[in-house]
Amino acid sequence: MSEERKEKLKSILYAIRDLEEFSAEGAKLKCHDSSPSYVTRVINLLTRDGLLNRVEIDKQERYRWVRNSTVSADHWIERQVFGEQIKLSPEQDRPREQLLRDGPSKLTDSQLIAILIRVGIVGESAIQAGRIIANRFPSDRLAALPDSSLPELRNISKTIRKDSYAQIMAGIELGRRISQLRDEVPVVVERIRGSEDAIRFCARAFGRLAVDGKQEEFHIVTLDTQHGPINTHLITIGTLDASLVHPREVFRAAIRDSASAILLVHNHPSGDPTPSREDKAVTERLSQVGELVGIRVLDHIIVAKERCRSVMAER
């Protein structure tokens, strides 16, 4: 039955996926081997899951593909047939694990909402519910989400119950209060003036690596002309080795950020921050490349449970 359903879904998706814009009737004509009611149901599911946008043109309802969707047609079909329960997803693909690994800023609206929902229902996981709600409240309408009542959100997704609704609203209100405080309190612009500043910044920004890092990760912090942090970038995961940390990947991110300088950062899962010979070799190599491309390597900080330590302060 599963394979039969997959083939039915494929026949519809493959028939309409190259259409830039279409009506329900047009889709039914393209999918003449499928029943009209089944085609309508598939279109509604695609719209619900954010792969299709419903638009009105000349007072006629039509559909357009969401071209920047991260969900492929084949992935969507697998999800319809076998479900999308979080516990069955690879651990690295689960929203909570992604947040802990990459930080909340890297998650989509739907993933953040899924974390707040926490638990799905039969036939609809928290991930699916998050996607449905995010599709109803896209970026330009997200500010309207706090004004929604429990019945209104429940009409969008049956996964929304009293507890999940309370979690969503509590998360929104807490974010609003923090944002308000930040607006009221002047923001101190951080500058990395030397190794002590770099160590303090990295101890705070990469504290997760010091506590939870199970293997070595190499990151860079891009800095502006005043040595203020612009962004952080994960370059590689694994034992630090000059052959793994390629200057092309390091300075590509720095050039993209229009950085004037960078910090090199990596962790020692052993807890001992003492720089190794390879740590020093990587620092030397990247410093030389930085001089050539005009982006200074300001420091290289090792993050560990014992403490953070500068490689360059000991050169």
Protein backbone atom coordinates (compact mmCIF):
# COMPACT_ATOMS: atom_id res chain seq x y z
CA MET A 1 0.00 0.00 0.00
CA SER A 2 2.82 2.42 0.83
CA GLU A 3 4.50 1.94 -2.56
CA GLU A 4 1.16 2.29 -4.33
CA ARG A 5 0.46 5.57 -2.53
CA LYS A 6 3.95 6.84 -3.33
CA GLU A 7 3.41 6.18 -7.02
CA LYS A 8 0.03 7.96 -6.96
CA LEU A 9 1.57 11.02 -5.34
CA LYS A 10 4.53 10.96 -7.73
CA SER A 11 2.27 10.85 -10.78
CA ILE A 12 0.59 14.09 -9.63
CA LEU A 13 3.67 15.95 -8.43
CA TYR A 14 5.76 15.07 -11.47
CA ALA A 15 2.94 16.19 -13.75
CA ILE A 16 2.56 19.65 -12.19
CA ARG A 17 5.93 20.50 -10.65
CA ASP A 18 7.24 22.20 -13.83
CA LEU A 19 4.17 24.44 -14.11
CA GLU A 20 4.98 27.99 -13.03
CA GLU A 21 1.34 28.75 -12.26
CA PHE A 22 -1.82 26.69 -12.60
CA SER A 23 -5.44 26.35 -11.58
CA ALA A 24 -7.00 23.34 -9.89
CA GLU A 25 -8.81 22.50 -13.12
CA GLY A 26 -5.60 22.75 -15.10
CA ALA A 27 -3.88 20.38 -12.67
CA LYS A 28 -6.71 17.87 -13.00
CA LEU A 29 -6.33 17.93 -16.80
CA LYS A 30 -2.58 17.29 -16.48
CA CYS A 31 -3.21 14.47 -14.01
CA HIS A 32 -5.87 12.68 -16.04
CA ASP A 33 -4.83 9.29 -14.63
CA SER A 34 -5.83 10.38 -11.10
CA SER A 35 -9.29 11.12 -9.80
CA PRO A 36 -10.16 14.87 -9.66
CA SER A 37 -10.93 14.66 -5.94
CA TYR A 38 -7.50 13.11 -5.20
CA VAL A 39 -5.75 15.83 -7.22
CA THR A 40 -7.63 18.47 -5.22
CA ARG A 41 -6.61 16.79 -1.97
CA VAL A 42 -2.93 16.70 -2.97
CA ILE A 43 -3.01 20.39 -3.98
CA ASN A 44 -4.53 21.26 -0.60
CA LEU A 45 -1.82 19.27 1.22
CA LEU A 46 0.94 20.97 -0.78
CA THR A 47 -0.57 24.36 0.07
CA ARG A 48 -0.90 23.45 3.74
CA ASP A 49 2.74 22.33 3.91
CA GLY A 50 4.03 25.52 2.30
CA LEU A 51 5.12 24.11 -1.08
CA LEU A 52 2.34 25.92 -2.95
CA ASN A 53 0.99 29.43 -2.57
CA ARG A 54 -2.68 30.08 -3.29
CA VAL A 55 -3.11 33.36 -5.23
CA GLU A 56 -5.97 35.18 -6.92
CA ILE A 57 -5.45 36.39 -10.50
CA ASP A 58 -8.28 38.08 -12.42
CA LYS A 59 -10.66 36.84 -9.70
CA GLN A 60 -9.58 33.24 -10.33
CA GLU A 61 -7.90 31.01 -7.75
CA ARG A 62 -4.51 29.78 -8.94
CA TYR A 63 -1.42 28.14 -7.43
CA ARG A 64 2.29 28.94 -7.59
CA TRP A 65 5.22 26.88 -6.33
CA VAL A 66 7.25 28.26 -3.45
CA ARG A 67 10.61 28.09 -5.20
CA ASN A 68 12.74 28.73 -2.11
CA SER A 69 11.18 25.84 -0.20
CA THR A 70 13.79 23.60 1.47
CA VAL A 71 11.52 20.55 1.04
CA SER A 72 11.99 18.51 -2.13
CA ALA A 73 9.12 16.75 -3.87
CA ASP A 74 10.56 13.32 -3.02
CA HIS A 75 11.03 14.28 0.64
CA TRP A 76 7.46 15.55 0.79
CA ILE A 77 6.13 12.29 -0.68
CA GLU A 78 8.11 10.23 1.86
CA ARG A 79 6.67 12.36 4.62
CA GLN A 80 3.10 11.86 3.43
CA VAL A 81 3.50 8.10 3.22
CA PHE A 82 5.59 7.40 6.31
CA GLY A 83 4.84 10.45 8.45
CA GLU A 84 7.18 13.03 9.95
CA GLN A 85 7.43 12.21 13.60
CA ILE A 86 10.31 14.03 15.29
CA LYS A 87 11.52 10.87 17.06
CA LEU A 88 11.88 9.15 13.68
CA SER A 89 13.92 12.02 12.20
CA PRO A 90 17.74 11.89 12.27
CA GLU A 91 18.86 13.59 15.49
CA GLN A 92 20.82 16.29 13.63
CA ASP A 93 17.65 17.29 11.72
CA ARG A 94 15.46 17.82 14.80
CA PRO A 95 14.73 21.49 15.57
CA ARG A 96 15.84 21.32 19.22
CA GLU A 97 19.12 19.65 18.30
CA GLN A 98 19.68 22.19 15.51
CA LEU A 99 19.07 25.05 17.94
CA LEU A 100 21.56 23.64 20.46
CA ARG A 101 24.12 23.06 17.72
CA ASP A 102 23.76 26.19 15.58
CA GLY A 103 21.88 28.67 17.77
CA PRO A 104 18.28 29.93 17.50
CA SER A 105 19.08 32.52 14.80
CA LYS A 106 19.78 29.72 12.30
CA LEU A 107 16.30 28.16 12.62
CA THR A 108 13.35 29.00 10.41
CA ASP A 109 10.11 30.43 11.81
CA SER A 110 8.44 27.03 11.39
CA GLN A 111 11.21 25.26 13.34
CA LEU A 112 11.00 27.77 16.21
CA ILE A 113 7.22 27.35 16.36
CA ALA A 114 7.63 23.54 16.31
CA ILE A 115 9.90 23.75 19.38
CA LEU A 116 7.25 25.78 21.21
CA ILE A 117 4.50 23.32 20.22
CA ARG A 118 6.71 20.45 21.46
CA VAL A 119 4.31 17.53 20.91
CA GLY A 120 2.21 16.65 17.87
CA ILE A 121 -0.90 14.57 17.47
CA VAL A 122 -1.69 11.47 15.46
CA GLY A 123 -1.30 12.37 11.80
CA GLU A 124 0.42 15.71 12.42
CA SER A 125 3.78 16.20 14.11
CA ALA A 126 4.99 19.37 15.80
CA ILE A 127 7.22 19.98 12.75
CA GLN A 128 4.25 19.81 10.40
CA ALA A 129 2.17 22.05 12.67
CA GLY A 130 5.00 24.58 12.85
CA ARG A 131 5.20 24.64 9.07
CA ILE A 132 1.43 25.06 8.72
CA ILE A 133 1.33 28.01 11.13
CA ALA A 134 4.43 29.64 9.63
CA ASN A 135 2.81 29.33 6.20
CA ARG A 136 -0.29 31.12 7.51
CA PHE A 137 1.87 33.78 9.21
CA PRO A 138 4.77 34.44 6.79
CA SER A 139 7.48 36.97 7.64
CA ASP A 140 5.43 39.98 6.58
CA ARG A 141 2.50 38.83 8.76
CA LEU A 142 4.37 37.22 11.67
CA ALA A 143 3.61 40.21 13.93
CA ALA A 144 -0.07 39.19 13.80
CA LEU A 145 0.60 35.82 15.46
CA PRO A 146 0.42 37.15 19.09
CA ASP A 147 -3.07 38.53 18.38
CA SER A 148 -4.41 35.06 17.51
CA SER A 149 -6.69 33.31 19.98
CA LEU A 150 -6.56 29.62 20.86
CA PRO A 151 -9.62 28.80 18.68
CA GLU A 152 -8.09 30.70 15.75
CA LEU A 153 -4.81 28.81 15.91
CA ARG A 154 -6.64 25.54 16.52
CA ASN A 155 -8.59 26.12 13.31
CA ILE A 156 -5.25 26.34 11.51
CA SER A 157 -3.78 23.23 13.18
CA LYS A 158 -5.45 20.72 15.51
CA THR A 159 -2.04 20.22 17.13
CA ILE A 160 -2.50 23.52 18.97
CA ARG A 161 -3.92 22.72 22.40
CA LYS A 162 -4.04 24.75 25.60
CA ASP A 163 -0.49 23.86 26.65
CA SER A 164 1.10 24.47 23.23
CA TYR A 165 -0.85 27.71 22.79
CA ALA A 166 0.36 28.90 26.22
CA GLN A 167 3.97 28.02 25.31
CA ILE A 168 3.78 29.93 22.02
CA MET A 169 2.29 33.03 23.65
CA ALA A 170 4.73 32.88 26.59
CA GLY A 171 7.67 32.65 24.17
CA ILE A 172 6.39 35.62 22.15
CA GLU A 173 5.80 37.74 25.27
CA LEU A 174 9.22 36.95 26.72
CA GLY A 175 10.83 37.91 23.41
CA ARG A 176 8.81 41.14 23.35
CA ARG A 177 9.95 42.08 26.87
CA ILE A 178 13.61 41.37 26.09
CA SER A 179 13.36 43.42 22.90
CA GLN A 180 11.79 46.29 24.84
CA LEU A 181 14.58 46.22 27.43
CA ARG A 182 17.21 46.26 24.71
CA ASP A 183 15.54 49.30 23.16
CA GLU A 184 15.55 51.07 26.52
CA VAL A 185 19.09 50.13 27.61
CA PRO A 186 21.92 51.51 25.45
CA VAL A 187 23.81 48.73 23.70
CA VAL A 188 27.53 48.72 24.46
CA VAL A 189 29.36 48.15 21.20
CA GLU A 190 31.87 45.35 21.74
CA ARG A 191 35.38 45.76 20.41
CA ILE A 192 38.12 43.13 20.32
CA ARG A 193 41.22 45.16 21.23
CA GLY A 194 43.52 42.30 22.21
CA SER A 195 43.79 38.74 23.49
CA GLU A 196 41.94 39.42 26.77
CA ASP A 197 38.94 40.87 24.89
CA ALA A 198 39.05 37.95 22.44
CA ILE A 199 39.10 35.42 25.28
CA ARG A 200 36.15 37.07 27.06
CA PHE A 201 34.13 37.21 23.85
CA CYS A 202 34.83 33.59 22.88
CA ALA A 203 34.16 32.30 26.41
CA ARG A 204 30.67 33.79 26.12
CA ALA A 205 29.94 33.18 22.42
CA PHE A 206 31.34 29.63 22.34
CA GLY A 207 30.55 28.48 25.87
CA ARG A 208 28.55 25.58 24.42
CA LEU A 209 31.74 24.13 22.91
CA ALA A 210 33.56 24.31 26.25
CA VAL A 211 30.81 22.41 28.06
CA ASP A 212 29.19 20.13 25.47
CA GLY A 213 31.74 19.81 22.66
CA LYS A 214 32.37 16.13 21.97
CA GLN A 215 34.72 16.71 19.04
CA GLU A 216 36.82 19.58 17.79
CA GLU A 217 35.05 22.35 15.87
CA PHE A 218 36.84 25.16 14.06
CA HIS A 219 35.00 28.50 13.78
CA ILE A 220 35.88 32.03 12.78
CA VAL A 221 34.53 35.34 14.06
CA THR A 222 34.48 38.06 11.42
CA LEU A 223 35.32 41.60 12.63
CA ASP A 224 34.65 45.05 11.18
CA THR A 225 37.17 47.88 10.77
CA GLN A 226 36.75 48.77 14.47
CA HIS A 227 37.21 45.09 15.41
CA GLY A 228 33.57 44.73 16.39
CA PRO A 229 32.12 41.21 15.83
CA ILE A 230 30.07 40.84 12.63
CA ASN A 231 29.24 37.14 12.52
CA THR A 232 30.46 33.64 13.41
CA HIS A 233 30.99 30.79 10.93
CA LEU A 234 31.56 27.07 11.46
CA ILE A 235 34.36 26.02 9.09
CA THR A 236 35.00 22.37 9.91
CA ILE A 237 34.34 19.62 12.47
CA GLY A 238 37.00 17.08 13.38
CA THR A 239 40.56 16.94 14.68
CA LEU A 240 42.26 20.21 13.80
CA ASP A 241 44.59 19.68 10.89
CA ALA A 242 46.11 22.13 8.43
CA SER A 243 44.78 20.03 5.55
CA LEU A 244 41.21 20.29 6.88
CA VAL A 245 41.20 24.01 7.66
CA HIS A 246 41.56 25.29 4.11
CA PRO A 247 42.26 29.03 3.77
CA ARG A 248 39.74 29.21 0.93
CA GLU A 249 36.84 28.30 3.25
CA VAL A 250 38.07 30.55 6.05
CA PHE A 251 38.55 33.67 3.96
CA ARG A 252 35.53 33.07 1.72
CA ALA A 253 33.31 33.66 4.77
CA ALA A 254 35.39 36.66 5.82
CA ILE A 255 35.22 38.25 2.36
CA ARG A 256 31.47 37.64 2.21
CA ASP A 257 31.09 39.56 5.49
CA SER A 258 33.40 42.35 4.24
CA ALA A 259 35.53 41.67 7.31
CA SER A 260 38.61 43.68 8.17
CA ALA A 261 39.95 41.02 10.54
CA ILE A 262 39.00 37.62 11.95
CA LEU A 263 39.33 35.57 15.12
CA LEU A 264 40.11 31.86 14.82
CA VAL A 265 38.31 29.73 17.40
CA HIS A 266 38.33 26.02 18.15
CA ASN A 267 37.68 23.80 21.15
CA HIS A 268 39.62 21.10 22.97
CA PRO A 269 37.11 18.46 24.17
CA SER A 270 39.78 17.12 26.53
CA GLY A 271 39.35 20.25 28.64
CA ASP A 272 43.04 21.23 28.39
CA PRO A 273 43.47 24.50 26.43
CA THR A 274 47.20 24.04 25.83
CA PRO A 275 47.91 24.75 22.12
CA SER A 276 49.23 21.80 20.14
CA ARG A 277 51.87 21.94 17.45
CA GLU A 278 49.10 21.64 14.86
CA ASP A 279 47.18 24.52 16.48
CA LYS A 280 50.24 26.73 16.07
CA ALA A 281 50.83 25.56 12.49
CA VAL A 282 47.24 26.34 11.49
CA THR A 283 47.50 29.77 13.13
CA GLU A 284 50.74 30.55 11.28
CA ARG A 285 49.42 29.40 7.93
CA LEU A 286 46.17 31.36 8.13
CA SER A 287 47.98 34.46 9.42
CA GLN A 288 50.23 34.39 6.35
CA VAL A 289 47.26 34.01 4.01
CA GLY A 290 45.47 36.82 5.86
CA GLU A 291 48.38 39.17 5.16
CA LEU A 292 48.16 38.33 1.46
CA VAL A 293 44.39 38.95 1.18
CA GLY A 294 44.35 41.97 3.49
CA ILE A 295 42.29 40.40 6.29
CA ARG A 296 44.25 40.21 9.53
CA VAL A 297 44.08 37.17 11.79
CA LEU A 298 43.72 39.00 15.10
CA ASP A 299 43.98 35.97 17.37
CA HIS A 300 43.34 32.25 17.72
CA ILE A 301 41.40 31.27 20.84
CA ILE A 302 41.18 27.74 22.21
CA VAL A 303 37.96 27.10 24.15
CA ALA A 304 38.06 24.40 26.84
CA LYS A 305 36.43 23.46 30.14
CA GLU A 306 39.43 24.60 32.18
CA ARG A 307 39.59 28.03 30.52
CA CYS A 308 40.07 29.80 27.19
CA ARG A 309 43.57 30.43 25.92
CA SER A 310 45.15 32.50 23.16
CA VAL A 311 47.52 30.75 20.77
CA MET A 312 48.97 34.01 19.45
CA ALA A 313 49.68 35.50 22.90
CA GLU A 314 52.21 32.71 23.41
CA ARG A 315 54.00 33.02 20.08
